[in-house]
PDB file of N, CA and C in Angstrom:
ATOM      1  N   UNK A   1      73.025  21.098 123.279  1.00  0.00           N
ATOM      2  CA  UNK A   1      71.845  20.309 123.019  1.00  0.00           C
ATOM      3  C   UNK A   1      72.237  18.965 122.407  1.00  0.00           C
ATOM      4  N   UNK A   2      71.487  17.952 122.766  1.00  0.00           N
ATOM      5  CA  UNK A   2      71.726  16.622 122.221  1.00  0.00           C
ATOM      6  C   UNK A   2      70.926  16.450 120.940  1.00  0.00           C
ATOM      7  N   UNK A   3      71.516  15.723 119.993  1.00  0.00           N
ATOM      8  CA  UNK A   3      70.832  15.472 118.721  1.00  0.00           C
ATOM      9  C   UNK A   3      70.060  14.162 118.717  1.00  0.00           C
ATOM     10  N   UNK A   4      70.120  13.427 119.828  1.00  0.00           N
ATOM     11  CA  UNK A   4      69.390  12.172 119.875  1.00  0.00           C
ATOM     12  C   UNK A   4      68.296  12.255 120.924  1.00  0.00           C
ATOM     13  N   UNK A   5      67.418  11.313 120.882  1.00  0.00           N
ATOM     14  CA  UNK A   5      66.338  11.288 121.852  1.00  0.00           C
ATOM     15  C   UNK A   5      65.971   9.840 122.132  1.00  0.00           C
ATOM     16  N   UNK A   6      65.167   9.636 123.145  1.00  0.00           N
ATOM     17  CA  UNK A   6      64.744   8.288 123.523  1.00  0.00           C
ATOM     18  C   UNK A   6      63.250   8.151 123.283  1.00  0.00           C
ATOM     19  N   UNK A   7      62.756   6.970 123.532  1.00  0.00           N
ATOM     20  CA  UNK A   7      61.319   6.732 123.358  1.00  0.00           C
ATOM     21  C   UNK A   7      60.503   7.585 124.327  1.00  0.00           C
ATOM     22  N   UNK A   8      61.106   7.972 125.440  1.00  0.00           N
ATOM     23  CA  UNK A   8      60.402   8.809 126.409  1.00  0.00           C
ATOM     24  C   UNK A   8      60.122  10.208 125.857  1.00  0.00           C
ATOM     25  N   UNK A   9      60.854  10.614 124.850  1.00  0.00           N
ATOM     26  CA  UNK A   9      60.655  11.934 124.251  1.00  0.00           C
ATOM     27  C   UNK A   9      59.496  11.958 123.261  1.00  0.00           C
ATOM     28  N   UNK A  10      58.976  10.795 122.903  1.00  0.00           N
ATOM     29  CA  UNK A  10      57.858  10.712 121.973  1.00  0.00           C
ATOM     30  C   UNK A  10      56.542  10.722 122.737  1.00  0.00           C
ATOM     31  N   UNK A  11      55.539  11.332 122.134  1.00  0.00           N
ATOM     32  CA  UNK A  11      54.208  11.287 122.739  1.00  0.00           C
ATOM     33  C   UNK A  11      53.594   9.916 122.467  1.00  0.00           C
ATOM     34  N   UNK A  12      52.536   9.608 123.150  1.00  0.00           N
ATOM     35  CA  UNK A  12      51.860   8.329 122.959  1.00  0.00           C
ATOM     36  C   UNK A  12      51.353   8.194 121.527  1.00  0.00           C
ATOM     37  N   UNK A  13      50.839   9.267 120.971  1.00  0.00           N
ATOM     38  CA  UNK A  13      50.360   9.247 119.591  1.00  0.00           C
ATOM     39  C   UNK A  13      51.479   9.005 118.595  1.00  0.00           C
ATOM     40  N   UNK A  14      52.638   9.620 118.839  1.00  0.00           N
ATOM     41  CA  UNK A  14      53.774   9.414 117.945  1.00  0.00           C
ATOM     42  C   UNK A  14      54.267   7.973 118.018  1.00  0.00           C
ATOM     43  N   UNK A  15      54.294   7.412 119.218  1.00  0.00           N
ATOM     44  CA  UNK A  15      54.700   6.010 119.373  1.00  0.00           C
ATOM     45  C   UNK A  15      53.751   5.098 118.620  1.00  0.00           C
ATOM     46  N   UNK A  16      52.468   5.377 118.702  1.00  0.00           N
ATOM     47  CA  UNK A  16      51.475   4.549 118.005  1.00  0.00           C
ATOM     48  C   UNK A  16      51.639   4.671 116.498  1.00  0.00           C
ATOM     49  N   UNK A  17      51.834   5.886 116.008  1.00  0.00           N
ATOM     50  CA  UNK A  17      52.005   6.088 114.565  1.00  0.00           C
ATOM     51  C   UNK A  17      53.247   5.380 114.052  1.00  0.00           C
ATOM     52  N   UNK A  18      54.342   5.460 114.814  1.00  0.00           N
ATOM     53  CA  UNK A  18      55.577   4.779 114.419  1.00  0.00           C
ATOM     54  C   UNK A  18      55.362   3.272 114.442  1.00  0.00           C
ATOM     55  N   UNK A  19      54.652   2.775 115.444  1.00  0.00           N
ATOM     56  CA  UNK A  19      54.369   1.340 115.518  1.00  0.00           C
ATOM     57  C   UNK A  19      53.604   0.840 114.308  1.00  0.00           C
ATOM     58  N   UNK A  20      52.613   1.606 113.892  1.00  0.00           N
ATOM     59  CA  UNK A  20      51.829   1.234 112.712  1.00  0.00           C
ATOM     60  C   UNK A  20      52.703   1.255 111.466  1.00  0.00           C
ATOM     61  N   UNK A  21      53.552   2.265 111.342  1.00  0.00           N
ATOM     62  CA  UNK A  21      54.420   2.349 110.168  1.00  0.00           C
ATOM     63  C   UNK A  21      55.443   1.216 110.139  1.00  0.00           C
ATOM     64  N   UNK A  22      55.977   0.843 111.305  1.00  0.00           N
ATOM     65  CA  UNK A  22      56.923  -0.275 111.367  1.00  0.00           C
ATOM     66  C   UNK A  22      56.219  -1.573 110.976  1.00  0.00           C
ATOM     67  N   UNK A  23      54.988  -1.749 111.409  1.00  0.00           N
ATOM     68  CA  UNK A  23      54.230  -2.942 111.029  1.00  0.00           C
ATOM     69  C   UNK A  23      54.000  -2.978 109.520  1.00  0.00           C
ATOM     70  N   UNK A  24      53.711  -1.827 108.938  1.00  0.00           N
ATOM     71  CA  UNK A  24      53.513  -1.768 107.490  1.00  0.00           C
ATOM     72  C   UNK A  24      54.813  -2.074 106.752  1.00  0.00           C
ATOM     73  N   UNK A  25      55.955  -1.592 107.306  1.00  0.00           N
ATOM     74  CA  UNK A  25      57.252  -1.899 106.698  1.00  0.00           C
ATOM     75  C   UNK A  25      57.518  -3.402 106.740  1.00  0.00           C
ATOM     76  N   UNK A  26      57.194  -4.024 107.864  1.00  0.00           N
ATOM     77  CA  UNK A  26      57.404  -5.468 107.997  1.00  0.00           C
ATOM     78  C   UNK A  26      56.528  -6.236 107.012  1.00  0.00           C
ATOM     79  N   UNK A  27      55.306  -5.795 106.843  1.00  0.00           N
ATOM     80  CA  UNK A  27      54.401  -6.464 105.913  1.00  0.00           C
ATOM     81  C   UNK A  27      54.914  -6.345 104.483  1.00  0.00           C
ATOM     82  N   UNK A  28      55.385  -5.158 104.127  1.00  0.00           N
ATOM     83  CA  UNK A  28      55.946  -4.985 102.787  1.00  0.00           C
ATOM     84  C   UNK A  28      57.224  -5.783 102.633  1.00  0.00           C
ATOM     85  N   UNK A  29      58.045  -5.813 103.677  1.00  0.00           N
ATOM     86  CA  UNK A  29      59.294  -6.563 103.625  1.00  0.00           C
ATOM     87  C   UNK A  29      59.064  -8.044 103.438  1.00  0.00           C
ATOM     88  N   UNK A  30      57.965  -8.553 103.960  1.00  0.00           N
ATOM     89  CA  UNK A  30      57.633  -9.968 103.798  1.00  0.00           C
ATOM     90  C   UNK A  30      57.274 -10.291 102.350  1.00  0.00           C
ATOM     91  N   UNK A  31      56.923  -9.279 101.581  1.00  0.00           N
ATOM     92  CA  UNK A  31      56.556  -9.491 100.187  1.00  0.00           C
ATOM     93  C   UNK A  31      57.775  -9.784  99.322  1.00  0.00           C
ATOM     94  N   UNK A  32      58.951  -9.412  99.797  1.00  0.00           N
ATOM     95  CA  UNK A  32      60.162  -9.693  99.034  1.00  0.00           C
ATOM     96  C   UNK A  32      61.211  -8.631  99.243  1.00  0.00           C
ATOM     97  N   UNK A  33      62.432  -8.942  98.861  1.00  0.00           N
ATOM     98  CA  UNK A  33      63.540  -8.000  99.093  1.00  0.00           C
ATOM     99  C   UNK A  33      63.538  -6.786  98.159  1.00  0.00           C
ATOM    100  N   UNK A  34      62.805  -6.844  97.076  1.00  0.00           N
ATOM    101  CA  UNK A  34      62.815  -5.747  96.098  1.00  0.00           C
ATOM    102  C   UNK A  34      61.691  -4.739  96.305  1.00  0.00           C
ATOM    103  N   UNK A  35      60.956  -4.855  97.397  1.00  0.00           N
ATOM    104  CA  UNK A  35      59.844  -3.946  97.661  1.00  0.00           C
ATOM    105  C   UNK A  35      60.380  -2.657  98.279  1.00  0.00           C
ATOM    106  N   UNK A  36      59.911  -1.534  97.786  1.00  0.00           N
ATOM    107  CA  UNK A  36      60.379  -0.224  98.252  1.00  0.00           C
ATOM    108  C   UNK A  36      59.621   0.199  99.514  1.00  0.00           C
ATOM    109  N   UNK A  37      60.358   0.478 100.602  1.00  0.00           N
ATOM    110  CA  UNK A  37      59.735   0.948 101.843  1.00  0.00           C
ATOM    111  C   UNK A  37      60.248   2.334 102.220  1.00  0.00           C
ATOM    112  N   UNK A  38      60.898   3.011 101.276  1.00  0.00           N
ATOM    113  CA  UNK A  38      61.502   4.302 101.585  1.00  0.00           C
ATOM    114  C   UNK A  38      60.461   5.353 101.969  1.00  0.00           C
ATOM    115  N   UNK A  39      59.256   5.272 101.410  1.00  0.00           N
ATOM    116  CA  UNK A  39      58.225   6.246 101.758  1.00  0.00           C
ATOM    117  C   UNK A  39      57.833   6.121 103.226  1.00  0.00           C
ATOM    118  N   UNK A  40      57.759   4.904 103.729  1.00  0.00           N
ATOM    119  CA  UNK A  40      57.411   4.706 105.135  1.00  0.00           C
ATOM    120  C   UNK A  40      58.552   5.139 106.046  1.00  0.00           C
ATOM    121  N   UNK A  41      59.789   4.906 105.621  1.00  0.00           N
ATOM    122  CA  UNK A  41      60.953   5.342 106.408  1.00  0.00           C
ATOM    123  C   UNK A  41      60.958   6.869 106.534  1.00  0.00           C
ATOM    124  N   UNK A  42      60.643   7.562 105.439  1.00  0.00           N
ATOM    125  CA  UNK A  42      60.609   9.021 105.474  1.00  0.00           C
ATOM    126  C   UNK A  42      59.548   9.522 106.444  1.00  0.00           C
ATOM    127  N   UNK A  43      58.403   8.837 106.489  1.00  0.00           N
ATOM    128  CA  UNK A  43      57.338   9.246 107.414  1.00  0.00           C
ATOM    129  C   UNK A  43      57.780   9.074 108.862  1.00  0.00           C
ATOM    130  N   UNK A  44      58.491   7.978 109.155  1.00  0.00           N
ATOM    131  CA  UNK A  44      59.002   7.763 110.515  1.00  0.00           C
ATOM    132  C   UNK A  44      60.040   8.833 110.844  1.00  0.00           C
ATOM    133  N   UNK A  45      60.931   9.134 109.913  1.00  0.00           N
ATOM    134  CA  UNK A  45      61.944  10.165 110.132  1.00  0.00           C
ATOM    135  C   UNK A  45      61.304  11.519 110.391  1.00  0.00           C
ATOM    136  N   UNK A  46      60.215  11.821 109.687  1.00  0.00           N
ATOM    137  CA  UNK A  46      59.512  13.084 109.885  1.00  0.00           C
ATOM    138  C   UNK A  46      58.944  13.176 111.305  1.00  0.00           C
ATOM    139  N   UNK A  47      58.385  12.084 111.798  1.00  0.00           N
ATOM    140  CA  UNK A  47      57.843  12.057 113.162  1.00  0.00           C
ATOM    141  C   UNK A  47      58.972  12.244 114.170  1.00  0.00           C
ATOM    142  N   UNK A  48      60.112  11.582 113.931  1.00  0.00           N
ATOM    143  CA  UNK A  48      61.255  11.705 114.837  1.00  0.00           C
ATOM    144  C   UNK A  48      61.805  13.127 114.845  1.00  0.00           C
ATOM    145  N   UNK A  49      61.888  13.761 113.675  1.00  0.00           N
ATOM    146  CA  UNK A  49      62.365  15.140 113.598  1.00  0.00           C
ATOM    147  C   UNK A  49      61.444  16.079 114.366  1.00  0.00           C
ATOM    148  N   UNK A  50      60.138  15.846 114.250  1.00  0.00           N
ATOM    149  CA  UNK A  50      59.163  16.668 114.964  1.00  0.00           C
ATOM    150  C   UNK A  50      59.367  16.532 116.478  1.00  0.00           C
ATOM    151  N   UNK A  51      59.584  15.319 116.951  1.00  0.00           N
ATOM    152  CA  UNK A  51      59.810  15.086 118.378  1.00  0.00           C
ATOM    153  C   UNK A  51      61.109  15.732 118.841  1.00  0.00           C
ATOM    154  N   UNK A  52      62.143  15.657 118.002  1.00  0.00           N
ATOM    155  CA  UNK A  52      63.432  16.253 118.343  1.00  0.00           C
ATOM    156  C   UNK A  52      63.323  17.779 118.423  1.00  0.00           C
ATOM    157  N   UNK A  53      62.591  18.378 117.466  1.00  0.00           N
ATOM    158  CA  UNK A  53      62.385  19.827 117.520  1.00  0.00           C
ATOM    159  C   UNK A  53      61.650  20.239 118.788  1.00  0.00           C
ATOM    160  N   UNK A  54      60.644  19.468 119.154  1.00  0.00           N
ATOM    161  CA  UNK A  54      59.882  19.770 120.362  1.00  0.00           C
ATOM    162  C   UNK A  54      60.776  19.628 121.604  1.00  0.00           C
ATOM    163  N   UNK A  55      61.627  18.616 121.630  1.00  0.00           N
ATOM    164  CA  UNK A  55      62.523  18.396 122.767  1.00  0.00           C
ATOM    165  C   UNK A  55      63.517  19.551 122.895  1.00  0.00           C
ATOM    166  N   UNK A  56      64.087  19.975 121.771  1.00  0.00           N
ATOM    167  CA  UNK A  56      65.087  21.035 121.803  1.00  0.00           C
ATOM    168  C   UNK A  56      64.481  22.394 122.119  1.00  0.00           C
ATOM    169  N   UNK A  57      63.188  22.536 121.921  1.00  0.00           N
ATOM    170  CA  UNK A  57      62.507  23.797 122.200  1.00  0.00           C
ATOM    171  C   UNK A  57      62.386  24.051 123.690  1.00  0.00           C
ATOM    172  N   UNK A  58      62.310  22.978 124.471  1.00  0.00           N
ATOM    173  CA  UNK A  58      62.125  23.105 125.923  1.00  0.00           C
ATOM    174  C   UNK A  58      63.303  23.724 126.610  1.00  0.00           C
TER     175      UNK A  58
END
């Protein structure tokens, strides 16, 4: 089994959720270099892990 996946492995809803989170990260990043975005990164990682589990289940 492969441990990586592509954008094709994500559902449309997951792609949209990741897009929104990336936009929020960019907005926070524009506020300055000392702004913490780790919570948003964890949410994206959680979505990616869910997609990877679903892919490996097939």
